[in-house]
Amino acid sequence: MSPAPRGPKLRVTITSKKETLMSNVAETFKGMQSKFNPSAAAGLDLVFQFNITDAENYYLVVKDGTCDLQQGDSSDANVTLIMDSETMQGIVSGETDGMQAFMGGKLRAEGDMMLALKLSELFPA
């Protein structure tokens, strides 16, 4: 007796909420790079650390008119911004005002907080 014919195989991929958030945050940061204003970065040598509480961390090196985004943590950060992925995505898209997020407790900054204000010049909406 021969085995019953089999139909096409079905592959099911289950993506966790955290994996989806990490993917969305990665896309948000890539979009942020496309908004980079090199003239605002002339002469700068700064590291911005982004600690995303529900996804992966990233850091951004801004040096002499260039920006380099890396996943992970930098030991040389001038300022560290701490927020969840929803706040990060809202700030980058322009739907959320960074200062209001800070005042409302959705965004915390450690280090040179005045540098955080420089981000709006480096990455205009």
C-alpha atoms as a PDB file:
ATOM      1  CA  MET A   1       0.000   0.000   0.000  1.00  0.00           C
ATOM      2  CA  SER A   2       1.461   3.328  -1.001  1.00  0.00           C
ATOM      3  CA  PRO A   3       1.283   6.436   1.184  1.00  0.00           C
ATOM      4  CA  ALA A   4      -1.485   8.916   0.541  1.00  0.00           C
ATOM      5  CA  PRO A   5      -0.459  11.778  -1.764  1.00  0.00           C
ATOM      6  CA  ARG A   6       0.562  14.902   0.070  1.00  0.00           C
ATOM      7  CA  GLY A   7      -0.408  18.392  -0.891  1.00  0.00           C
ATOM      8  CA  PRO A   8       1.827  21.446  -0.789  1.00  0.00           C
ATOM      9  CA  LYS A   9       3.621  22.045   2.481  1.00  0.00           C
ATOM     10  CA  LEU A  10       2.390  24.846   4.637  1.00  0.00           C
ATOM     11  CA  ARG A  11       4.941  26.894   6.528  1.00  0.00           C
ATOM     12  CA  VAL A  12       3.779  28.887   9.522  1.00  0.00           C
ATOM     13  CA  THR A  13       6.001  31.564  10.979  1.00  0.00           C
ATOM     14  CA  ILE A  14       5.141  32.919  14.379  1.00  0.00           C
ATOM     15  CA  THR A  15       6.609  36.310  15.096  1.00  0.00           C
ATOM     16  CA  SER A  16       6.642  37.507  18.655  1.00  0.00           C
ATOM     17  CA  LYS A  17       5.598  41.002  19.613  1.00  0.00           C
ATOM     18  CA  LYS A  18       9.193  41.763  20.653  1.00  0.00           C
ATOM     19  CA  GLU A  19      10.533  40.637  17.251  1.00  0.00           C
ATOM     20  CA  THR A  20       7.986  42.852  15.513  1.00  0.00           C
ATOM     21  CA  LEU A  21       8.930  45.811  17.718  1.00  0.00           C
ATOM     22  CA  MET A  22      12.628  45.258  17.045  1.00  0.00           C
ATOM     23  CA  SER A  23      11.974  45.190  13.304  1.00  0.00           C
ATOM     24  CA  ASN A  24       9.863  48.360  13.490  1.00  0.00           C
ATOM     25  CA  VAL A  25      12.526  50.148  15.546  1.00  0.00           C
ATOM     26  CA  ALA A  26      15.237  49.135  13.063  1.00  0.00           C
ATOM     27  CA  GLU A  27      13.136  50.547  10.207  1.00  0.00           C
ATOM     28  CA  THR A  28      12.517  53.736  12.191  1.00  0.00           C
ATOM     29  CA  PHE A  29      16.235  54.270  12.699  1.00  0.00           C
ATOM     30  CA  LYS A  30      16.932  53.637   9.014  1.00  0.00           C
ATOM     31  CA  GLY A  31      14.314  56.245   8.152  1.00  0.00           C
ATOM     32  CA  MET A  32      15.951  58.629  10.584  1.00  0.00           C
ATOM     33  CA  GLN A  33      19.245  58.307   8.703  1.00  0.00           C
ATOM     34  CA  SER A  34      17.535  59.380   5.477  1.00  0.00           C
ATOM     35  CA  LYS A  35      16.554  62.684   7.141  1.00  0.00           C
ATOM     36  CA  PHE A  36      20.137  63.465   8.209  1.00  0.00           C
ATOM     37  CA  ASN A  37      21.271  67.069   7.617  1.00  0.00           C
ATOM     38  CA  PRO A  38      25.069  66.926   7.026  1.00  0.00           C
ATOM     39  CA  SER A  39      25.511  70.709   7.188  1.00  0.00           C
ATOM     40  CA  ALA A  40      24.144  70.749  10.764  1.00  0.00           C
ATOM     41  CA  ALA A  41      26.772  68.138  11.676  1.00  0.00           C
ATOM     42  CA  ALA A  42      29.782  70.054  10.351  1.00  0.00           C
ATOM     43  CA  GLY A  43      32.546  70.038  12.965  1.00  0.00           C
ATOM     44  CA  LEU A  44      30.624  67.825  15.404  1.00  0.00           C
ATOM     45  CA  ASP A  45      31.977  64.710  17.091  1.00  0.00           C
ATOM     46  CA  LEU A  46      29.102  63.265  19.161  1.00  0.00           C
ATOM     47  CA  VAL A  47      27.624  59.926  20.142  1.00  0.00           C
ATOM     48  CA  PHE A  48      23.893  59.619  20.856  1.00  0.00           C
ATOM     49  CA  GLN A  49      22.838  56.435  22.651  1.00  0.00           C
ATOM     50  CA  PHE A  50      19.212  55.312  22.246  1.00  0.00           C
ATOM     51  CA  ASN A  51      18.068  52.844  24.907  1.00  0.00           C
ATOM     52  CA  ILE A  52      14.749  51.471  23.698  1.00  0.00           C
ATOM     53  CA  THR A  53      13.098  49.795  26.684  1.00  0.00           C
ATOM     54  CA  ASP A  54      11.070  47.249  24.693  1.00  0.00           C
ATOM     55  CA  ALA A  55      13.447  46.611  21.775  1.00  0.00           C
ATOM     56  CA  GLU A  56      17.124  46.715  20.818  1.00  0.00           C
ATOM     57  CA  ASN A  57      19.410  49.634  21.668  1.00  0.00           C
ATOM     58  CA  TYR A  58      21.144  51.740  19.027  1.00  0.00           C
ATOM     59  CA  TYR A  59      23.757  54.443  18.985  1.00  0.00           C
ATOM     60  CA  LEU A  60      24.446  57.144  16.464  1.00  0.00           C
ATOM     61  CA  VAL A  61      27.898  58.566  15.801  1.00  0.00           C
ATOM     62  CA  VAL A  62      27.789  62.067  14.294  1.00  0.00           C
ATOM     63  CA  LYS A  63      31.201  63.211  13.139  1.00  0.00           C
ATOM     64  CA  ASP A  64      32.312  65.876  10.658  1.00  0.00           C
ATOM     65  CA  GLY A  65      29.091  65.956   8.642  1.00  0.00           C
ATOM     66  CA  THR A  66      28.445  62.206   8.685  1.00  0.00           C
ATOM     67  CA  CYS A  67      26.240  59.888  10.718  1.00  0.00           C
ATOM     68  CA  ASP A  68      26.784  56.215  11.415  1.00  0.00           C
ATOM     69  CA  LEU A  69      24.039  54.180  13.076  1.00  0.00           C
ATOM     70  CA  GLN A  70      24.963  50.999  14.941  1.00  0.00           C
ATOM     71  CA  GLN A  71      22.927  48.481  16.887  1.00  0.00           C
ATOM     72  CA  GLY A  72      24.017  48.012  20.494  1.00  0.00           C
ATOM     73  CA  ASP A  73      25.558  50.179  23.178  1.00  0.00           C
ATOM     74  CA  SER A  74      28.363  52.731  23.006  1.00  0.00           C
ATOM     75  CA  SER A  75      30.712  53.364  25.899  1.00  0.00           C
ATOM     76  CA  ASP A  76      31.420  56.841  24.471  1.00  0.00           C
ATOM     77  CA  ALA A  77      27.887  58.306  24.488  1.00  0.00           C
ATOM     78  CA  ASN A  78      27.610  62.045  25.099  1.00  0.00           C
ATOM     79  CA  VAL A  79      23.907  61.688  25.823  1.00  0.00           C
ATOM     80  CA  THR A  80      21.667  58.659  26.369  1.00  0.00           C
ATOM     81  CA  LEU A  81      17.990  58.868  25.471  1.00  0.00           C
ATOM     82  CA  ILE A  82      15.715  56.302  27.125  1.00  0.00           C
ATOM     83  CA  MET A  83      12.212  55.622  25.779  1.00  0.00           C
ATOM     84  CA  ASP A  84       9.946  52.889  24.481  1.00  0.00           C
ATOM     85  CA  SER A  85       9.629  52.027  20.796  1.00  0.00           C
ATOM     86  CA  GLU A  86       6.285  53.798  20.374  1.00  0.00           C
ATOM     87  CA  THR A  87       7.747  57.077  21.667  1.00  0.00           C
ATOM     88  CA  MET A  88      10.809  56.702  19.433  1.00  0.00           C
ATOM     89  CA  GLN A  89       8.707  56.057  16.351  1.00  0.00           C
ATOM     90  CA  GLY A  90       6.457  59.017  17.153  1.00  0.00           C
ATOM     91  CA  ILE A  91       9.378  61.404  17.598  1.00  0.00           C
ATOM     92  CA  VAL A  92      11.099  60.311  14.377  1.00  0.00           C
ATOM     93  CA  SER A  93       7.855  60.509  12.362  1.00  0.00           C
ATOM     94  CA  GLY A  94       7.048  63.943  13.785  1.00  0.00           C
ATOM     95  CA  GLU A  95       3.803  62.756  15.391  1.00  0.00           C
ATOM     96  CA  THR A  96       5.275  63.217  18.882  1.00  0.00           C
ATOM     97  CA  ASP A  97       7.140  66.303  20.047  1.00  0.00           C
ATOM     98  CA  GLY A  98      10.376  65.280  21.761  1.00  0.00           C
ATOM     99  CA  MET A  99      10.167  68.048  24.344  1.00  0.00           C
ATOM    100  CA  GLN A 100       6.597  67.091  25.247  1.00  0.00           C
ATOM    101  CA  ALA A 101       7.652  63.440  25.540  1.00  0.00           C
ATOM    102  CA  PHE A 102      10.449  64.520  27.874  1.00  0.00           C
ATOM    103  CA  MET A 103       8.174  66.728  29.977  1.00  0.00           C
ATOM    104  CA  GLY A 104       5.546  63.950  30.106  1.00  0.00           C
ATOM    105  CA  GLY A 105       8.054  61.379  31.345  1.00  0.00           C
ATOM    106  CA  LYS A 106       7.996  59.251  28.187  1.00  0.00           C
ATOM    107  CA  LEU A 107      11.571  60.223  27.348  1.00  0.00           C
ATOM    108  CA  ARG A 108      14.490  60.400  29.762  1.00  0.00           C
ATOM    109  CA  ALA A 109      17.939  61.783  29.039  1.00  0.00           C
ATOM    110  CA  GLU A 110      21.218  61.066  30.783  1.00  0.00           C
ATOM    111  CA  GLY A 111      24.416  62.972  30.127  1.00  0.00           C
ATOM    112  CA  ASP A 112      24.528  66.279  28.244  1.00  0.00           C
ATOM    113  CA  MET A 113      20.804  66.925  27.847  1.00  0.00           C
ATOM    114  CA  MET A 114      21.407  70.022  25.704  1.00  0.00           C
ATOM    115  CA  LEU A 115      22.789  67.730  23.005  1.00  0.00           C
ATOM    116  CA  ALA A 116      19.423  66.002  22.790  1.00  0.00           C
ATOM    117  CA  LEU A 117      18.027  69.276  21.447  1.00  0.00           C
ATOM    118  CA  LYS A 118      20.610  69.140  18.650  1.00  0.00           C
ATOM    119  CA  LEU A 119      18.864  66.074  17.219  1.00  0.00           C
ATOM    120  CA  SER A 120      16.053  68.201  15.747  1.00  0.00           C
ATOM    121  CA  GLU A 121      18.656  70.162  13.745  1.00  0.00           C
ATOM    122  CA  LEU A 122      20.514  67.030  12.677  1.00  0.00           C
ATOM    123  CA  PHE A 123      17.335  65.181  11.679  1.00  0.00           C
ATOM    124  CA  PRO A 124      14.669  67.715  10.657  1.00  0.00           C
ATOM    125  CA  ALA A 125      11.138  66.369  10.255  1.00  0.00           C
END
